[in-house]
Amino acid sequence: MHAAAEPPIGTFILYDLPGTRYRLQRQITVSMEEDENGAFVVSEPTTGVFNYDEDWLTAMDGFVHAFVNQFEFLTSKESNLSPSMLAELEQFRHVIIPRH
């Protein structure tokens, strides 16, 4: 990505995970930055999940899917996770729940 942090372009509050099997129990805050190559980087500081793309809408949509994919990956590997990865999974469980 880049050596020096660029100032955020914006901060967004997400209330849902559209297009997924999950919803948020509580809102999450993500920030968007533009890297030195002009790509938009969307990230969430608590989990470290991020996504980037040259189009900011695609970067945001990709972030939602990366967020869900990380949760599903951790859930599928739960019995083999290290203590730090189990803690990360618990962070996700406080945020993501299945849609009914």
Protein backbone atom coordinates (compact mmCIF):
# COMPACT_ATOMS: atom_id res chain seq x y z
CA MET A 1 0.00 0.00 0.00
CA HIS A 2 1.77 3.22 1.02
CA ALA A 3 4.49 4.23 3.47
CA ALA A 4 2.97 7.49 4.68
CA ALA A 5 -0.65 7.43 5.72
CA GLU A 6 -2.83 9.63 3.57
CA PRO A 7 -5.53 11.60 5.35
CA PRO A 8 -8.92 9.90 5.21
CA ILE A 9 -11.22 10.98 2.41
CA GLY A 10 -14.13 10.13 4.60
CA THR A 11 -15.52 8.14 7.47
CA PHE A 12 -18.60 6.04 6.89
CA ILE A 13 -20.94 4.39 9.33
CA LEU A 14 -22.33 1.07 8.14
CA TYR A 15 -25.61 -0.15 9.58
CA ASP A 16 -25.98 -3.25 7.40
CA LEU A 17 -24.06 -5.70 5.23
CA PRO A 18 -26.12 -5.54 2.01
CA GLY A 19 -25.98 -8.46 -0.39
CA THR A 20 -24.85 -10.91 2.31
CA ARG A 21 -26.43 -13.51 4.59
CA TYR A 22 -25.56 -11.36 7.60
CA ARG A 23 -26.53 -8.12 9.23
CA LEU A 24 -24.84 -5.93 11.81
CA GLN A 25 -25.87 -6.04 15.46
CA ARG A 26 -24.37 -2.59 15.86
CA GLN A 27 -22.96 -0.06 13.46
CA ILE A 28 -19.34 -0.12 12.39
CA THR A 29 -17.21 2.81 11.32
CA VAL A 30 -14.96 2.48 8.30
CA SER A 31 -12.58 4.98 6.81
CA MET A 32 -11.70 5.57 3.19
CA GLU A 33 -8.33 6.80 2.01
CA GLU A 34 -6.79 7.23 -1.42
CA ASP A 35 -3.39 5.60 -1.90
CA GLU A 36 -0.52 6.98 -3.97
CA ASN A 37 -1.79 5.09 -7.05
CA GLY A 38 -5.26 6.59 -6.83
CA ALA A 39 -6.96 3.47 -5.43
CA PHE A 40 -9.54 3.88 -2.68
CA VAL A 41 -8.78 1.90 0.48
CA VAL A 42 -11.68 1.12 2.82
CA SER A 43 -10.72 -0.21 6.25
CA GLU A 44 -12.16 -0.97 9.66
CA PRO A 45 -9.69 -0.49 12.54
CA THR A 46 -11.05 -3.00 15.07
CA THR A 47 -10.74 -6.06 12.83
CA GLY A 48 -8.17 -4.76 10.37
CA VAL A 49 -10.32 -5.81 7.43
CA PHE A 50 -9.78 -3.71 4.32
CA ASN A 51 -10.41 -3.65 0.60
CA TYR A 52 -9.28 -1.39 -2.21
CA ASP A 53 -10.27 -0.56 -5.76
CA GLU A 54 -9.91 2.29 -8.24
CA ASP A 55 -13.66 2.94 -7.93
CA TRP A 56 -14.76 4.01 -4.45
CA LEU A 57 -18.17 2.27 -4.66
CA THR A 58 -16.49 -0.98 -5.69
CA ALA A 59 -13.98 -0.56 -2.85
CA MET A 60 -16.84 -0.15 -0.37
CA ASP A 61 -18.78 -3.12 -1.74
CA GLY A 62 -15.62 -5.22 -1.70
CA PHE A 63 -15.02 -4.23 1.91
CA VAL A 64 -18.45 -5.56 2.91
CA HIS A 65 -17.68 -8.89 1.25
CA ALA A 66 -14.15 -9.03 2.71
CA PHE A 67 -15.61 -8.35 6.18
CA VAL A 68 -18.07 -11.22 5.82
CA ASN A 69 -15.45 -13.52 4.25
CA GLN A 70 -13.08 -12.97 7.19
CA PHE A 71 -15.86 -13.80 9.64
CA GLU A 72 -16.83 -16.95 7.71
CA PHE A 73 -13.19 -18.04 7.43
CA LEU A 74 -12.60 -17.65 11.16
CA THR A 75 -15.87 -19.45 11.95
CA SER A 76 -14.98 -22.37 9.67
CA LYS A 77 -11.54 -22.76 11.32
CA GLU A 78 -12.68 -22.08 14.89
CA SER A 79 -11.47 -25.40 16.36
CA ASN A 80 -7.94 -24.75 15.06
CA LEU A 81 -7.56 -21.05 15.79
CA SER A 82 -4.84 -19.58 17.97
CA PRO A 83 -5.93 -17.57 21.01
CA SER A 84 -5.44 -14.27 19.16
CA MET A 85 -7.50 -15.48 16.20
CA LEU A 86 -10.22 -16.70 18.59
CA ALA A 87 -10.27 -13.20 20.08
CA GLU A 88 -10.68 -11.77 16.57
CA LEU A 89 -13.58 -14.15 15.93
CA GLU A 90 -15.21 -12.97 19.16
CA GLN A 91 -14.91 -9.36 17.95
CA PHE A 92 -16.81 -10.34 14.81
CA ARG A 93 -19.45 -12.21 16.81
CA HIS A 94 -20.25 -9.02 18.69
CA VAL A 95 -20.94 -7.30 15.37
CA ILE A 96 -22.26 -9.83 12.81
CA ILE A 97 -25.37 -12.01 13.07
CA PRO A 98 -27.24 -14.07 10.46
CA ARG A 99 -30.27 -12.59 8.74
CA HIS A 100 -33.55 -14.29 9.59
